[in-house]
């Protein structure tokens, strides 16, 4: 027989995964509308099952700054639309670029 605590823990993990998958779906949609035809690396807790929580931010790295807005404008817009903090880096300006390229997930956004 499964204990109540084990059931609650399993439910918490399932809820985190649902939230993570929904955030990924929404992020892809928002990015397609905001910065179409860009290549974006997603990294951090959004890629790791069980690690993405209600307090997690979303980490992104771009190959270059978007032509029509600053990184700060993009961060503000994405954070507002996602309902959580979104951090955006430019790969060539990032000291851990190699780690992002190695461990991140590349999304090519078709507008």
PDB file of N, CA and C in Angstrom:
ATOM      1  N   UNK A   1       0.847  -1.183   0.000  1.00  0.00           N
ATOM      2  CA  UNK A   1       0.000   0.000   0.000  1.00  0.00           C
ATOM      3  C   UNK A   1       0.894   1.249   0.000  1.00  0.00           C
ATOM      4  N   UNK A   2       0.546   2.179  -0.833  1.00  0.00           N
ATOM      5  CA  UNK A   2       1.302   3.419  -0.929  1.00  0.00           C
ATOM      6  C   UNK A   2       0.873   4.361   0.187  1.00  0.00           C
ATOM      7  N   UNK A   3       1.862   4.954   0.806  1.00  0.00           N
ATOM      8  CA  UNK A   3       1.545   5.880   1.886  1.00  0.00           C
ATOM      9  C   UNK A   3       1.053   7.206   1.317  1.00  0.00           C
ATOM     10  N   UNK A   4       0.368   7.929   2.141  1.00  0.00           N
ATOM     11  CA  UNK A   4      -0.137   9.241   1.746  1.00  0.00           C
ATOM     12  C   UNK A   4       1.011  10.174   1.365  1.00  0.00           C
ATOM     13  N   UNK A   5       2.109  10.133   2.115  1.00  0.00           N
ATOM     14  CA  UNK A   5       3.259  10.992   1.803  1.00  0.00           C
ATOM     15  C   UNK A   5       3.852  10.645   0.444  1.00  0.00           C
ATOM     16  N   UNK A   6       3.942   9.363   0.136  1.00  0.00           N
ATOM     17  CA  UNK A   6       4.476   8.948  -1.162  1.00  0.00           C
ATOM     18  C   UNK A   6       3.550   9.399  -2.289  1.00  0.00           C
ATOM     19  N   UNK A   7       2.255   9.296  -2.082  1.00  0.00           N
ATOM     20  CA  UNK A   7       1.290   9.755  -3.082  1.00  0.00           C
ATOM     21  C   UNK A   7       1.411  11.258  -3.302  1.00  0.00           C
ATOM     22  N   UNK A   8       1.563  11.990  -2.215  1.00  0.00           N
ATOM     23  CA  UNK A   8       1.699  13.447  -2.320  1.00  0.00           C
ATOM     24  C   UNK A   8       2.982  13.818  -3.055  1.00  0.00           C
ATOM     25  N   UNK A   9       4.066  13.115  -2.765  1.00  0.00           N
ATOM     26  CA  UNK A   9       5.340  13.384  -3.434  1.00  0.00           C
ATOM     27  C   UNK A   9       5.224  13.086  -4.925  1.00  0.00           C
ATOM     28  N   UNK A  10       4.602  11.979  -5.271  1.00  0.00           N
ATOM     29  CA  UNK A  10       4.420  11.618  -6.675  1.00  0.00           C
ATOM     30  C   UNK A  10       3.552  12.663  -7.386  1.00  0.00           C
ATOM     31  N   UNK A  11       2.505  13.112  -6.728  1.00  0.00           N
ATOM     32  CA  UNK A  11       1.629  14.129  -7.314  1.00  0.00           C
ATOM     33  C   UNK A  11       2.376  15.447  -7.528  1.00  0.00           C
ATOM     34  N   UNK A  12       3.227  15.816  -6.588  1.00  0.00           N
ATOM     35  CA  UNK A  12       4.019  17.039  -6.708  1.00  0.00           C
ATOM     36  C   UNK A  12       4.953  16.946  -7.923  1.00  0.00           C
ATOM     37  N   UNK A  13       5.581  15.789  -8.110  1.00  0.00           N
ATOM     38  CA  UNK A  13       6.469  15.587  -9.258  1.00  0.00           C
ATOM     39  C   UNK A  13       5.675  15.658 -10.561  1.00  0.00           C
ATOM     40  N   UNK A  14       4.512  15.019 -10.592  1.00  0.00           N
ATOM     41  CA  UNK A  14       3.670  15.061 -11.789  1.00  0.00           C
ATOM     42  C   UNK A  14       3.235  16.488 -12.109  1.00  0.00           C
ATOM     43  N   UNK A  15       2.887  17.244 -11.089  1.00  0.00           N
ATOM     44  CA  UNK A  15       2.484  18.640 -11.298  1.00  0.00           C
ATOM     45  C   UNK A  15       3.636  19.474 -11.835  1.00  0.00           C
ATOM     46  N   UNK A  16       4.844  19.246 -11.317  1.00  0.00           N
ATOM     47  CA  UNK A  16       6.021  19.972 -11.821  1.00  0.00           C
ATOM     48  C   UNK A  16       6.250  19.666 -13.296  1.00  0.00           C
ATOM     49  N   UNK A  17       6.100  18.402 -13.657  1.00  0.00           N
ATOM     50  CA  UNK A  17       6.313  18.016 -15.050  1.00  0.00           C
ATOM     51  C   UNK A  17       5.256  18.628 -15.967  1.00  0.00           C
ATOM     52  N   UNK A  18       4.020  18.645 -15.527  1.00  0.00           N
ATOM     53  CA  UNK A  18       2.970  19.292 -16.322  1.00  0.00           C
ATOM     54  C   UNK A  18       3.288  20.772 -16.509  1.00  0.00           C
ATOM     55  N   UNK A  19       3.721  21.412 -15.437  1.00  0.00           N
ATOM     56  CA  UNK A  19       4.076  22.830 -15.490  1.00  0.00           C
ATOM     57  C   UNK A  19       5.258  23.057 -16.431  1.00  0.00           C
ATOM     58  N   UNK A  20       6.253  22.193 -16.370  1.00  0.00           N
ATOM     59  CA  UNK A  20       7.439  22.308 -17.225  1.00  0.00           C
ATOM     60  C   UNK A  20       7.059  22.150 -18.694  1.00  0.00           C
ATOM     61  N   UNK A  21       6.250  21.154 -19.000  1.00  0.00           N
ATOM     62  CA  UNK A  21       5.836  20.942 -20.389  1.00  0.00           C
ATOM     63  C   UNK A  21       4.971  22.095 -20.899  1.00  0.00           C
ATOM     64  N   UNK A  22       4.098  22.609 -20.057  1.00  0.00           N
ATOM     65  CA  UNK A  22       3.267  23.746 -20.451  1.00  0.00           C
ATOM     66  C   UNK A  22       4.130  24.991 -20.672  1.00  0.00           C
ATOM     67  N   UNK A  23       5.126  25.208 -19.813  1.00  0.00           N
ATOM     68  CA  UNK A  23       6.027  26.355 -19.982  1.00  0.00           C
ATOM     69  C   UNK A  23       6.812  26.232 -21.286  1.00  0.00           C
ATOM     70  N   UNK A  24       7.274  25.039 -21.612  1.00  0.00           N
ATOM     71  CA  UNK A  24       7.994  24.829 -22.877  1.00  0.00           C
ATOM     72  C   UNK A  24       7.095  25.147 -24.074  1.00  0.00           C
ATOM     73  N   UNK A  25       5.850  24.667 -24.034  1.00  0.00           N
ATOM     74  CA  UNK A  25       4.911  24.902 -25.126  1.00  0.00           C
ATOM     75  C   UNK A  25       4.638  26.399 -25.300  1.00  0.00           C
ATOM     76  N   UNK A  26       4.338  27.063 -24.182  1.00  0.00           N
ATOM     77  CA  UNK A  26       4.047  28.489 -24.226  1.00  0.00           C
ATOM     78  C   UNK A  26       5.274  29.289 -24.659  1.00  0.00           C
ATOM     79  N   UNK A  27       6.442  28.930 -24.157  1.00  0.00           N
ATOM     80  CA  UNK A  27       7.668  29.638 -24.522  1.00  0.00           C
ATOM     81  C   UNK A  27       7.915  29.560 -26.023  1.00  0.00           C
ATOM     82  N   UNK A  28       7.772  28.390 -26.590  1.00  0.00           N
ATOM     83  CA  UNK A  28       7.990  28.236 -28.036  1.00  0.00           C
ATOM     84  C   UNK A  28       7.020  29.131 -28.822  1.00  0.00           C
ATOM     85  N   UNK A  29       5.782  29.162 -28.391  1.00  0.00           N
ATOM     86  CA  UNK A  29       4.760  29.994 -29.038  1.00  0.00           C
ATOM     87  C   UNK A  29       5.112  31.485 -28.921  1.00  0.00           C
ATOM     88  N   UNK A  30       5.470  31.914 -27.723  1.00  0.00           N
ATOM     89  CA  UNK A  30       5.804  33.323 -27.485  1.00  0.00           C
ATOM     90  C   UNK A  30       7.056  33.719 -28.267  1.00  0.00           C
ATOM     91  N   UNK A  31       8.060  32.860 -28.290  1.00  0.00           N
ATOM     92  CA  UNK A  31       9.286  33.165 -29.030  1.00  0.00           C
ATOM     93  C   UNK A  31       9.026  33.259 -30.529  1.00  0.00           C
ATOM     94  N   UNK A  32       8.198  32.375 -31.063  1.00  0.00           N
ATOM     95  CA  UNK A  32       7.867  32.434 -32.500  1.00  0.00           C
ATOM     96  C   UNK A  32       7.225  33.769 -32.864  1.00  0.00           C
ATOM     97  N   UNK A  33       6.384  34.282 -31.968  1.00  0.00           N
ATOM     98  CA  UNK A  33       5.711  35.560 -32.224  1.00  0.00           C
ATOM     99  C   UNK A  33       6.646  36.747 -32.009  1.00  0.00           C
ATOM    100  N   UNK A  34       7.547  36.622 -31.045  1.00  0.00           N
ATOM    101  CA  UNK A  34       8.381  37.752 -30.632  1.00  0.00           C
ATOM    102  C   UNK A  34       9.659  37.878 -31.439  1.00  0.00           C
ATOM    103  N   UNK A  35      10.356  36.766 -31.639  1.00  0.00           N
ATOM    104  CA  UNK A  35      11.621  36.785 -32.387  1.00  0.00           C
ATOM    105  C   UNK A  35      11.629  35.640 -33.410  1.00  0.00           C
ATOM    106  N   UNK A  36      10.753  35.729 -34.413  1.00  0.00           N
ATOM    107  CA  UNK A  36      10.673  34.650 -35.405  1.00  0.00           C
ATOM    108  C   UNK A  36      11.988  34.497 -36.169  1.00  0.00           C
ATOM    109  N   UNK A  37      12.201  33.290 -36.645  1.00  0.00           N
ATOM    110  CA  UNK A  37      13.372  32.958 -37.468  1.00  0.00           C
ATOM    111  C   UNK A  37      14.697  33.130 -36.737  1.00  0.00           C
ATOM    112  N   UNK A  38      14.666  33.049 -35.431  1.00  0.00           N
ATOM    113  CA  UNK A  38      15.884  33.117 -34.621  1.00  0.00           C
ATOM    114  C   UNK A  38      16.248  31.720 -34.130  1.00  0.00           C
ATOM    115  N   UNK A  39      17.515  31.545 -33.821  1.00  0.00           N
ATOM    116  CA  UNK A  39      17.981  30.313 -33.180  1.00  0.00           C
ATOM    117  C   UNK A  39      18.215  30.638 -31.711  1.00  0.00           C
ATOM    118  N   UNK A  40      17.557  29.885 -30.845  1.00  0.00           N
ATOM    119  CA  UNK A  40      17.590  30.142 -29.405  1.00  0.00           C
ATOM    120  C   UNK A  40      18.018  28.871 -28.689  1.00  0.00           C
ATOM    121  N   UNK A  41      18.950  29.021 -27.762  1.00  0.00           N
ATOM    122  CA  UNK A  41      19.326  27.903 -26.900  1.00  0.00           C
ATOM    123  C   UNK A  41      18.574  28.041 -25.588  1.00  0.00           C
ATOM    124  N   UNK A  42      17.865  26.997 -25.223  1.00  0.00           N
ATOM    125  CA  UNK A  42      17.172  26.925 -23.940  1.00  0.00           C
ATOM    126  C   UNK A  42      18.063  26.091 -23.030  1.00  0.00           C
ATOM    127  N   UNK A  43      18.264  26.552 -21.794  1.00  0.00           N
ATOM    128  CA  UNK A  43      19.092  25.791 -20.860  1.00  0.00           C
ATOM    129  C   UNK A  43      18.553  25.976 -19.450  1.00  0.00           C
ATOM    130  N   UNK A  44      19.114  25.257 -18.517  1.00  0.00           N
ATOM    131  CA  UNK A  44      18.695  25.392 -17.125  1.00  0.00           C
ATOM    132  C   UNK A  44      17.577  24.433 -16.752  1.00  0.00           C
ATOM    133  N   UNK A  45      16.844  24.794 -15.710  1.00  0.00           N
ATOM    134  CA  UNK A  45      15.860  23.886 -15.108  1.00  0.00           C
ATOM    135  C   UNK A  45      14.710  23.520 -16.039  1.00  0.00           C
ATOM    136  N   UNK A  46      14.426  24.330 -17.038  1.00  0.00           N
ATOM    137  CA  UNK A  46      13.341  24.013 -17.966  1.00  0.00           C
ATOM    138  C   UNK A  46      13.625  22.721 -18.735  1.00  0.00           C
ATOM    139  N   UNK A  47      14.889  22.348 -18.838  1.00  0.00           N
ATOM    140  CA  UNK A  47      15.259  21.125 -19.550  1.00  0.00           C
ATOM    141  C   UNK A  47      15.330  19.908 -18.638  1.00  0.00           C
ATOM    142  N   UNK A  48      15.306  20.115 -17.337  1.00  0.00           N
ATOM    143  CA  UNK A  48      15.565  19.017 -16.401  1.00  0.00           C
ATOM    144  C   UNK A  48      14.291  18.556 -15.694  1.00  0.00           C
ATOM    145  N   UNK A  49      13.855  17.351 -15.993  1.00  0.00           N
ATOM    146  CA  UNK A  49      12.672  16.814 -15.309  1.00  0.00           C
ATOM    147  C   UNK A  49      12.824  16.880 -13.790  1.00  0.00           C
ATOM    148  N   UNK A  50      11.770  17.343 -13.144  1.00  0.00           N
ATOM    149  CA  UNK A  50      11.746  17.409 -11.689  1.00  0.00           C
ATOM    150  C   UNK A  50      12.404  18.634 -11.086  1.00  0.00           C
ATOM    151  N   UNK A  51      13.077  19.434 -11.878  1.00  0.00           N
ATOM    152  CA  UNK A  51      13.811  20.597 -11.353  1.00  0.00           C
ATOM    153  C   UNK A  51      13.079  21.921 -11.559  1.00  0.00           C
ATOM    154  N   UNK A  52      12.151  21.974 -12.488  1.00  0.00           N
ATOM    155  CA  UNK A  52      11.437  23.211 -12.808  1.00  0.00           C
ATOM    156  C   UNK A  52      10.278  23.372 -11.834  1.00  0.00           C
ATOM    157  N   UNK A  53      10.287  24.468 -11.079  1.00  0.00           N
ATOM    158  CA  UNK A  53       9.255  24.709 -10.067  1.00  0.00           C
ATOM    159  C   UNK A  53       8.511  26.009 -10.380  1.00  0.00           C
ATOM    160  N   UNK A  54       7.559  26.338  -9.556  1.00  0.00           N
ATOM    161  CA  UNK A  54       6.812  27.579  -9.717  1.00  0.00           C
ATOM    162  C   UNK A  54       7.677  28.817  -9.573  1.00  0.00           C
ATOM    163  N   UNK A  55       8.804  28.679  -8.895  1.00  0.00           N
ATOM    164  CA  UNK A  55       9.716  29.815  -8.694  1.00  0.00           C
ATOM    165  C   UNK A  55      10.854  29.854  -9.709  1.00  0.00           C
ATOM    166  N   UNK A  56      10.955  28.844 -10.557  1.00  0.00           N
ATOM    167  CA  UNK A  56      12.065  28.774 -11.516  1.00  0.00           C
ATOM    168  C   UNK A  56      11.967  29.876 -12.559  1.00  0.00           C
ATOM    169  N   UNK A  57      13.133  30.359 -12.968  1.00  0.00           N
ATOM    170  CA  UNK A  57      13.170  31.270 -14.104  1.00  0.00           C
ATOM    171  C   UNK A  57      13.380  30.440 -15.368  1.00  0.00           C
ATOM    172  N   UNK A  58      13.379  31.114 -16.495  1.00  0.00           N
ATOM    173  CA  UNK A  58      13.630  30.466 -17.780  1.00  0.00           C
ATOM    174  C   UNK A  58      14.900  31.082 -18.344  1.00  0.00           C
ATOM    175  N   UNK A  59      15.825  30.228 -18.752  1.00  0.00           N
ATOM    176  CA  UNK A  59      17.128  30.676 -19.239  1.00  0.00           C
ATOM    177  C   UNK A  59      17.237  30.460 -20.743  1.00  0.00           C
ATOM    178  N   UNK A  60      17.577  31.544 -21.457  1.00  0.00           N
ATOM    179  CA  UNK A  60      17.709  31.507 -22.908  1.00  0.00           C
ATOM    180  C   UNK A  60      19.017  32.154 -23.327  1.00  0.00           C
ATOM    181  N   UNK A  61      19.571  31.673 -24.432  1.00  0.00           N
ATOM    182  CA  UNK A  61      20.744  32.304 -25.030  1.00  0.00           C
ATOM    183  C   UNK A  61      20.482  32.462 -26.524  1.00  0.00           C
ATOM    184  N   UNK A  62      20.746  33.657 -27.034  1.00  0.00           N
ATOM    185  CA  UNK A  62      20.557  33.961 -28.456  1.00  0.00           C
ATOM    186  C   UNK A  62      21.909  34.008 -29.146  1.00  0.00           C
ATOM    187  N   UNK A  63      21.917  33.675 -30.428  1.00  0.00           N
ATOM    188  CA  UNK A  63      23.160  33.792 -31.187  1.00  0.00           C
ATOM    189  C   UNK A  63      23.530  35.252 -31.409  1.00  0.00           C
ATOM    190  N   UNK A  64      22.524  36.117 -31.482  1.00  0.00           N
ATOM    191  CA  UNK A  64      22.771  37.555 -31.633  1.00  0.00           C
ATOM    192  C   UNK A  64      21.568  38.314 -31.091  1.00  0.00           C
ATOM    193  N   UNK A  65      21.765  39.595 -30.847  1.00  0.00           N
ATOM    194  CA  UNK A  65      20.649  40.418 -30.364  1.00  0.00           C
ATOM    195  C   UNK A  65      19.579  40.504 -31.444  1.00  0.00           C
ATOM    196  N   UNK A  66      18.320  40.521 -31.030  1.00  0.00           N
ATOM    197  CA  UNK A  66      17.259  40.679 -32.029  1.00  0.00           C
ATOM    198  C   UNK A  66      17.364  42.055 -32.678  1.00  0.00           C
ATOM    199  N   UNK A  67      17.068  42.158 -33.968  1.00  0.00           N
ATOM    200  CA  UNK A  67      17.263  43.427 -34.670  1.00  0.00           C
ATOM    201  C   UNK A  67      16.287  44.530 -34.285  1.00  0.00           C
ATOM    202  N   UNK A  68      15.135  44.190 -33.761  1.00  0.00           N
ATOM    203  CA  UNK A  68      14.085  45.192 -33.553  1.00  0.00           C
ATOM    204  C   UNK A  68      13.882  45.601 -32.094  1.00  0.00           C
ATOM    205  N   UNK A  69      14.689  45.063 -31.165  1.00  0.00           N
ATOM    206  CA  UNK A  69      14.554  45.459 -29.757  1.00  0.00           C
ATOM    207  C   UNK A  69      15.833  45.115 -29.010  1.00  0.00           C
ATOM    208  N   UNK A  70      16.009  45.751 -27.867  1.00  0.00           N
ATOM    209  CA  UNK A  70      17.182  45.456 -27.045  1.00  0.00           C
ATOM    210  C   UNK A  70      16.943  44.172 -26.254  1.00  0.00           C
ATOM    211  N   UNK A  71      18.004  43.622 -25.733  1.00  0.00           N
ATOM    212  CA  UNK A  71      17.893  42.436 -24.869  1.00  0.00           C
ATOM    213  C   UNK A  71      17.007  42.758 -23.674  1.00  0.00           C
ATOM    214  N   UNK A  72      17.139  43.954 -23.123  1.00  0.00           N
ATOM    215  CA  UNK A  72      16.346  44.335 -21.946  1.00  0.00           C
ATOM    216  C   UNK A  72      14.856  44.408 -22.276  1.00  0.00           C
ATOM    217  N   UNK A  73      14.534  44.924 -23.454  1.00  0.00           N
ATOM    218  CA  UNK A  73      13.132  44.943 -23.885  1.00  0.00           C
ATOM    219  C   UNK A  73      12.610  43.522 -24.073  1.00  0.00           C
ATOM    220  N   UNK A  74      13.448  42.667 -24.643  1.00  0.00           N
ATOM    221  CA  UNK A  74      13.055  41.275 -24.858  1.00  0.00           C
ATOM    222  C   UNK A  74      12.826  40.564 -23.528  1.00  0.00           C
ATOM    223  N   UNK A  75      13.722  40.766 -22.573  1.00  0.00           N
ATOM    224  CA  UNK A  75      13.569  40.162 -21.243  1.00  0.00           C
ATOM    225  C   UNK A  75      12.251  40.602 -20.615  1.00  0.00           C
ATOM    226  N   UNK A  76      11.971  41.883 -20.679  1.00  0.00           N
ATOM    227  CA  UNK A  76      10.743  42.417 -20.098  1.00  0.00           C
ATOM    228  C   UNK A  76       9.509  41.823 -20.771  1.00  0.00           C
ATOM    229  N   UNK A  77       9.510  41.799 -22.086  1.00  0.00           N
ATOM    230  CA  UNK A  77       8.372  41.278 -22.838  1.00  0.00           C
ATOM    231  C   UNK A  77       8.151  39.790 -22.562  1.00  0.00           C
ATOM    232  N   UNK A  78       9.227  39.009 -22.626  1.00  0.00           N
ATOM    233  CA  UNK A  78       9.095  37.566 -22.392  1.00  0.00           C
ATOM    234  C   UNK A  78       8.671  37.266 -20.960  1.00  0.00           C
ATOM    235  N   UNK A  79       9.245  37.984 -20.003  1.00  0.00           N
ATOM    236  CA  UNK A  79       8.886  37.762 -18.596  1.00  0.00           C
ATOM    237  C   UNK A  79       7.410  38.052 -18.364  1.00  0.00           C
ATOM    238  N   UNK A  80       6.927  39.122 -18.967  1.00  0.00           N
ATOM    239  CA  UNK A  80       5.508  39.471 -18.823  1.00  0.00           C
ATOM    240  C   UNK A  80       4.620  38.400 -19.449  1.00  0.00           C
ATOM    241  N   UNK A  81       4.962  37.978 -20.653  1.00  0.00           N
ATOM    242  CA  UNK A  81       4.122  36.999 -21.352  1.00  0.00           C
ATOM    243  C   UNK A  81       4.195  35.609 -20.727  1.00  0.00           C
ATOM    244  N   UNK A  82       5.325  35.268 -20.135  1.00  0.00           N
ATOM    245  CA  UNK A  82       5.474  33.944 -19.521  1.00  0.00           C
ATOM    246  C   UNK A  82       4.985  33.915 -18.076  1.00  0.00           C
ATOM    247  N   UNK A  83       4.843  35.092 -17.464  1.00  0.00           N
ATOM    248  CA  UNK A  83       4.392  35.131 -16.075  1.00  0.00           C
ATOM    249  C   UNK A  83       5.451  34.687 -15.085  1.00  0.00           C
ATOM    250  N   UNK A  84       6.695  34.769 -15.484  1.00  0.00           N
ATOM    251  CA  UNK A  84       7.839  34.437 -14.624  1.00  0.00           C
ATOM    252  C   UNK A  84       9.087  35.082 -15.222  1.00  0.00           C
ATOM    253  N   UNK A  85      10.124  35.144 -14.466  1.00  0.00           N
ATOM    254  CA  UNK A  85      11.380  35.759 -14.911  1.00  0.00           C
ATOM    255  C   UNK A  85      11.978  34.950 -16.062  1.00  0.00           C
ATOM    256  N   UNK A  86      12.364  35.654 -17.123  1.00  0.00           N
ATOM    257  CA  UNK A  86      13.076  35.051 -18.245  1.00  0.00           C
ATOM    258  C   UNK A  86      14.408  35.777 -18.364  1.00  0.00           C
ATOM    259  N   UNK A  87      15.495  35.024 -18.306  1.00  0.00           N
ATOM    260  CA  UNK A  87      16.830  35.591 -18.476  1.00  0.00           C
ATOM    261  C   UNK A  87      17.303  35.298 -19.895  1.00  0.00           C
ATOM    262  N   UNK A  88      17.812  36.329 -20.567  1.00  0.00           N
ATOM    263  CA  UNK A  88      18.267  36.184 -21.949  1.00  0.00           C
ATOM    264  C   UNK A  88      19.712  36.652 -22.039  1.00  0.00           C
ATOM    265  N   UNK A  89      20.551  35.815 -22.624  1.00  0.00           N
ATOM    266  CA  UNK A  89      21.959  36.128 -22.839  1.00  0.00           C
ATOM    267  C   UNK A  89      22.255  36.103 -24.332  1.00  0.00           C
ATOM    268  N   UNK A  90      23.314  36.804 -24.728  1.00  0.00           N
ATOM    269  CA  UNK A  90      23.845  36.675 -26.083  1.00  0.00           C
ATOM    270  C   UNK A  90      25.055  35.759 -25.969  1.00  0.00           C
ATOM    271  N   UNK A  91      25.064  34.681 -26.745  1.00  0.00           N
ATOM    272  CA  UNK A  91      26.095  33.650 -26.604  1.00  0.00           C
ATOM    273  C   UNK A  91      27.515  34.196 -26.632  1.00  0.00           C
ATOM    274  N   UNK A  92      27.818  35.046 -27.595  1.00  0.00           N
ATOM    275  CA  UNK A  92      29.191  35.534 -27.732  1.00  0.00           C
ATOM    276  C   UNK A  92      29.639  36.414 -26.572  1.00  0.00           C
ATOM    277  N   UNK A  93      28.697  36.879 -25.764  1.00  0.00           N
ATOM    278  CA  UNK A  93      29.029  37.722 -24.616  1.00  0.00           C
ATOM    279  C   UNK A  93      28.984  36.941 -23.304  1.00  0.00           C
ATOM    280  N   UNK A  94      28.835  35.633 -23.392  1.00  0.00           N
ATOM    281  CA  UNK A  94      28.614  34.808 -22.205  1.00  0.00           C
ATOM    282  C   UNK A  94      29.861  33.995 -21.866  1.00  0.00           C
ATOM    283  N   UNK A  95      30.270  34.032 -20.611  1.00  0.00           N
ATOM    284  CA  UNK A  95      31.480  33.319 -20.194  1.00  0.00           C
ATOM    285  C   UNK A  95      31.288  31.806 -20.141  1.00  0.00           C
ATOM    286  N   UNK A  96      30.048  31.318 -20.118  1.00  0.00           N
ATOM    287  CA  UNK A  96      29.821  29.869 -20.111  1.00  0.00           C
ATOM    288  C   UNK A  96      29.135  29.398 -21.403  1.00  0.00           C
ATOM    289  N   UNK A  97      29.536  30.042 -22.505  1.00  0.00           N
ATOM    290  CA  UNK A  97      29.005  29.713 -23.832  1.00  0.00           C
ATOM    291  C   UNK A  97      29.178  28.230 -24.161  1.00  0.00           C
ATOM    292  N   UNK A  98      30.365  27.680 -23.899  1.00  0.00           N
ATOM    293  CA  UNK A  98      30.629  26.277 -24.234  1.00  0.00           C
ATOM    294  C   UNK A  98      29.676  25.335 -23.518  1.00  0.00           C
ATOM    295  N   UNK A  99      29.376  25.638 -22.264  1.00  0.00           N
ATOM    296  CA  UNK A  99      28.447  24.802 -21.496  1.00  0.00           C
ATOM    297  C   UNK A  99      27.039  24.875 -22.090  1.00  0.00           C
ATOM    298  N   UNK A 100      26.609  26.074 -22.483  1.00  0.00           N
ATOM    299  CA  UNK A 100      25.283  26.229 -23.092  1.00  0.00           C
ATOM    300  C   UNK A 100      25.219  25.457 -24.407  1.00  0.00           C
ATOM    301  N   UNK A 101      26.253  25.565 -25.221  1.00  0.00           N
ATOM    302  CA  UNK A 101      26.278  24.850 -26.497  1.00  0.00           C
ATOM    303  C   UNK A 101      26.262  23.338 -26.287  1.00  0.00           C
ATOM    304  N   UNK A 102      26.914  22.890 -25.243  1.00  0.00           N
ATOM    305  CA  UNK A 102      27.013  21.458 -24.938  1.00  0.00           C
ATOM    306  C   UNK A 102      25.725  20.907 -24.322  1.00  0.00           C
ATOM    307  N   UNK A 103      25.150  21.659 -23.383  1.00  0.00           N
ATOM    308  CA  UNK A 103      24.038  21.136 -22.591  1.00  0.00           C
ATOM    309  C   UNK A 103      22.677  21.723 -22.953  1.00  0.00           C
ATOM    310  N   UNK A 104      22.678  22.837 -23.667  1.00  0.00           N
ATOM    311  CA  UNK A 104      21.413  23.485 -24.006  1.00  0.00           C
ATOM    312  C   UNK A 104      20.688  22.780 -25.137  1.00  0.00           C
ATOM    313  N   UNK A 105      19.469  23.195 -25.346  1.00  0.00           N
ATOM    314  CA  UNK A 105      18.626  22.642 -26.407  1.00  0.00           C
ATOM    315  C   UNK A 105      18.391  23.748 -27.424  1.00  0.00           C
ATOM    316  N   UNK A 106      18.759  23.499 -28.659  1.00  0.00           N
ATOM    317  CA  UNK A 106      18.615  24.499 -29.716  1.00  0.00           C
ATOM    318  C   UNK A 106      17.207  24.466 -30.286  1.00  0.00           C
ATOM    319  N   UNK A 107      16.566  25.627 -30.270  1.00  0.00           N
ATOM    320  CA  UNK A 107      15.253  25.786 -30.896  1.00  0.00           C
ATOM    321  C   UNK A 107      15.423  26.721 -32.080  1.00  0.00           C
ATOM    322  N   UNK A 108      15.042  26.269 -33.258  1.00  0.00           N
ATOM    323  CA  UNK A 108      15.013  27.122 -34.438  1.00  0.00           C
ATOM    324  C   UNK A 108      13.563  27.531 -34.649  1.00  0.00           C
ATOM    325  N   UNK A 109      13.306  28.812 -34.542  1.00  0.00           N
ATOM    326  CA  UNK A 109      11.931  29.327 -34.534  1.00  0.00           C
ATOM    327  C   UNK A 109      11.515  29.770 -35.919  1.00  0.00           C
ATOM    328  N   UNK A 110      10.573  29.075 -36.489  1.00  0.00           N
ATOM    329  CA  UNK A 110      10.033  29.460 -37.791  1.00  0.00           C
ATOM    330  C   UNK A 110       8.820  30.338 -37.572  1.00  0.00           C
ATOM    331  N   UNK A 111       8.872  31.551 -38.101  1.00  0.00           N
ATOM    332  CA  UNK A 111       7.801  32.514 -37.888  1.00  0.00           C
ATOM    333  C   UNK A 111       6.588  32.299 -38.725  1.00  0.00           C
TER     334      UNK A 111
END
